[in-house]
Amino acid sequence: MLIVAVAWIYVVLLMALTEPTVVAGIMTFLLYCVVPLGILFYLTGGKRRKRRREAAAEAARRKDQ
């Protein structure tokens, strides 16, 4: 999935560079790249966060014993 994200960043960066103004380019990059990829990585990272939380709880349990 990382290669797809890198390719998407590249495509959106090229789109942003063709915008007529700097502000339009920045908004294109933010709205077409940063926001969607942020949501995607947040949603796909749920299992990782859950495992990390469980590992921290297990380590705390072992420490208390």
C-alpha atoms as a PDB file:
ATOM      1  CA  MET A   1       0.000   0.000   0.000  1.00  0.00           C
ATOM      2  CA  LEU A   2       2.933   2.312   0.604  1.00  0.00           C
ATOM      3  CA  ILE A   3       3.918   2.300  -3.079  1.00  0.00           C
ATOM      4  CA  VAL A   4       0.386   3.376  -4.008  1.00  0.00           C
ATOM      5  CA  ALA A   5       0.534   6.227  -1.496  1.00  0.00           C
ATOM      6  CA  VAL A   6       3.901   7.400  -2.843  1.00  0.00           C
ATOM      7  CA  ALA A   7       2.571   7.277  -6.413  1.00  0.00           C
ATOM      8  CA  TRP A   8      -0.516   9.229  -5.366  1.00  0.00           C
ATOM      9  CA  ILE A   9       1.644  11.884  -3.690  1.00  0.00           C
ATOM     10  CA  TYR A  10       3.671  12.191  -6.892  1.00  0.00           C
ATOM     11  CA  VAL A  11       0.584  12.567  -9.071  1.00  0.00           C
ATOM     12  CA  VAL A  12      -1.005  15.157  -6.795  1.00  0.00           C
ATOM     13  CA  LEU A  13       2.274  17.057  -6.523  1.00  0.00           C
ATOM     14  CA  LEU A  14       2.398  17.326 -10.314  1.00  0.00           C
ATOM     15  CA  MET A  15      -1.241  18.450 -10.322  1.00  0.00           C
ATOM     16  CA  ALA A  16      -0.456  21.088  -7.698  1.00  0.00           C
ATOM     17  CA  LEU A  17       2.502  22.365  -9.703  1.00  0.00           C
ATOM     18  CA  THR A  18       0.261  23.052 -12.697  1.00  0.00           C
ATOM     19  CA  GLU A  19      -2.157  25.231 -10.745  1.00  0.00           C
ATOM     20  CA  PRO A  20      -2.150  28.904 -11.762  1.00  0.00           C
ATOM     21  CA  THR A  21      -1.433  30.287  -8.270  1.00  0.00           C
ATOM     22  CA  VAL A  22       0.594  29.126  -5.303  1.00  0.00           C
ATOM     23  CA  VAL A  23      -2.459  29.165  -3.043  1.00  0.00           C
ATOM     24  CA  ALA A  24      -4.398  26.972  -5.459  1.00  0.00           C
ATOM     25  CA  GLY A  25      -1.439  24.582  -5.630  1.00  0.00           C
ATOM     26  CA  ILE A  26      -1.203  24.335  -1.858  1.00  0.00           C
ATOM     27  CA  MET A  27      -4.946  23.784  -1.520  1.00  0.00           C
ATOM     28  CA  THR A  28      -4.877  21.133  -4.247  1.00  0.00           C
ATOM     29  CA  PHE A  29      -2.077  19.306  -2.481  1.00  0.00           C
ATOM     30  CA  LEU A  30      -3.776  19.517   0.909  1.00  0.00           C
ATOM     31  CA  LEU A  31      -7.265  18.562  -0.238  1.00  0.00           C
ATOM     32  CA  TYR A  32      -6.306  15.853  -2.745  1.00  0.00           C
ATOM     33  CA  CYS A  33      -3.301  14.369  -0.958  1.00  0.00           C
ATOM     34  CA  VAL A  34      -2.771  15.153   2.710  1.00  0.00           C
ATOM     35  CA  VAL A  35      -6.353  14.845   3.928  1.00  0.00           C
ATOM     36  CA  PRO A  36      -7.310  11.642   2.048  1.00  0.00           C
ATOM     37  CA  LEU A  37      -4.035   9.884   2.822  1.00  0.00           C
ATOM     38  CA  GLY A  38      -4.281  10.928   6.458  1.00  0.00           C
ATOM     39  CA  ILE A  39      -7.744   9.394   6.692  1.00  0.00           C
ATOM     40  CA  LEU A  40      -6.603   6.271   4.844  1.00  0.00           C
ATOM     41  CA  PHE A  41      -3.590   5.728   7.091  1.00  0.00           C
ATOM     42  CA  TYR A  42      -5.685   6.354  10.196  1.00  0.00           C
ATOM     43  CA  LEU A  43      -8.281   3.789   9.136  1.00  0.00           C
ATOM     44  CA  THR A  44      -5.761   1.142   8.088  1.00  0.00           C
ATOM     45  CA  GLY A  45      -3.667   1.615  11.225  1.00  0.00           C
ATOM     46  CA  GLY A  46      -6.436   0.526  13.598  1.00  0.00           C
ATOM     47  CA  LYS A  47      -5.121  -3.014  14.075  1.00  0.00           C
ATOM     48  CA  ARG A  48      -1.630  -1.703  14.754  1.00  0.00           C
ATOM     49  CA  ARG A  49      -2.919   0.694  17.423  1.00  0.00           C
ATOM     50  CA  LYS A  50      -4.974  -2.085  19.034  1.00  0.00           C
ATOM     51  CA  ARG A  51      -1.955  -4.429  19.171  1.00  0.00           C
ATOM     52  CA  ARG A  52       0.206  -1.665  20.651  1.00  0.00           C
ATOM     53  CA  ARG A  53      -2.446  -0.917  23.297  1.00  0.00           C
ATOM     54  CA  GLU A  54      -2.736  -4.610  24.223  1.00  0.00           C
ATOM     55  CA  ALA A  55       1.055  -4.960  24.441  1.00  0.00           C
ATOM     56  CA  ALA A  56       1.261  -1.940  26.734  1.00  0.00           C
ATOM     57  CA  ALA A  57      -1.491  -3.372  28.964  1.00  0.00           C
ATOM     58  CA  GLU A  58       0.308  -6.733  29.092  1.00  0.00           C
ATOM     59  CA  ALA A  59       3.595  -5.047  30.000  1.00  0.00           C
ATOM     60  CA  ALA A  60       1.873  -3.087  32.761  1.00  0.00           C
ATOM     61  CA  ARG A  61       0.276  -6.284  34.058  1.00  0.00           C
ATOM     62  CA  ARG A  62       3.666  -8.041  34.160  1.00  0.00           C
ATOM     63  CA  LYS A  63       5.245  -5.062  35.890  1.00  0.00           C
ATOM     64  CA  ASP A  64       2.609  -5.122  38.651  1.00  0.00           C
ATOM     65  CA  GLN A  65       3.190  -8.801  39.448  1.00  0.00           C
END
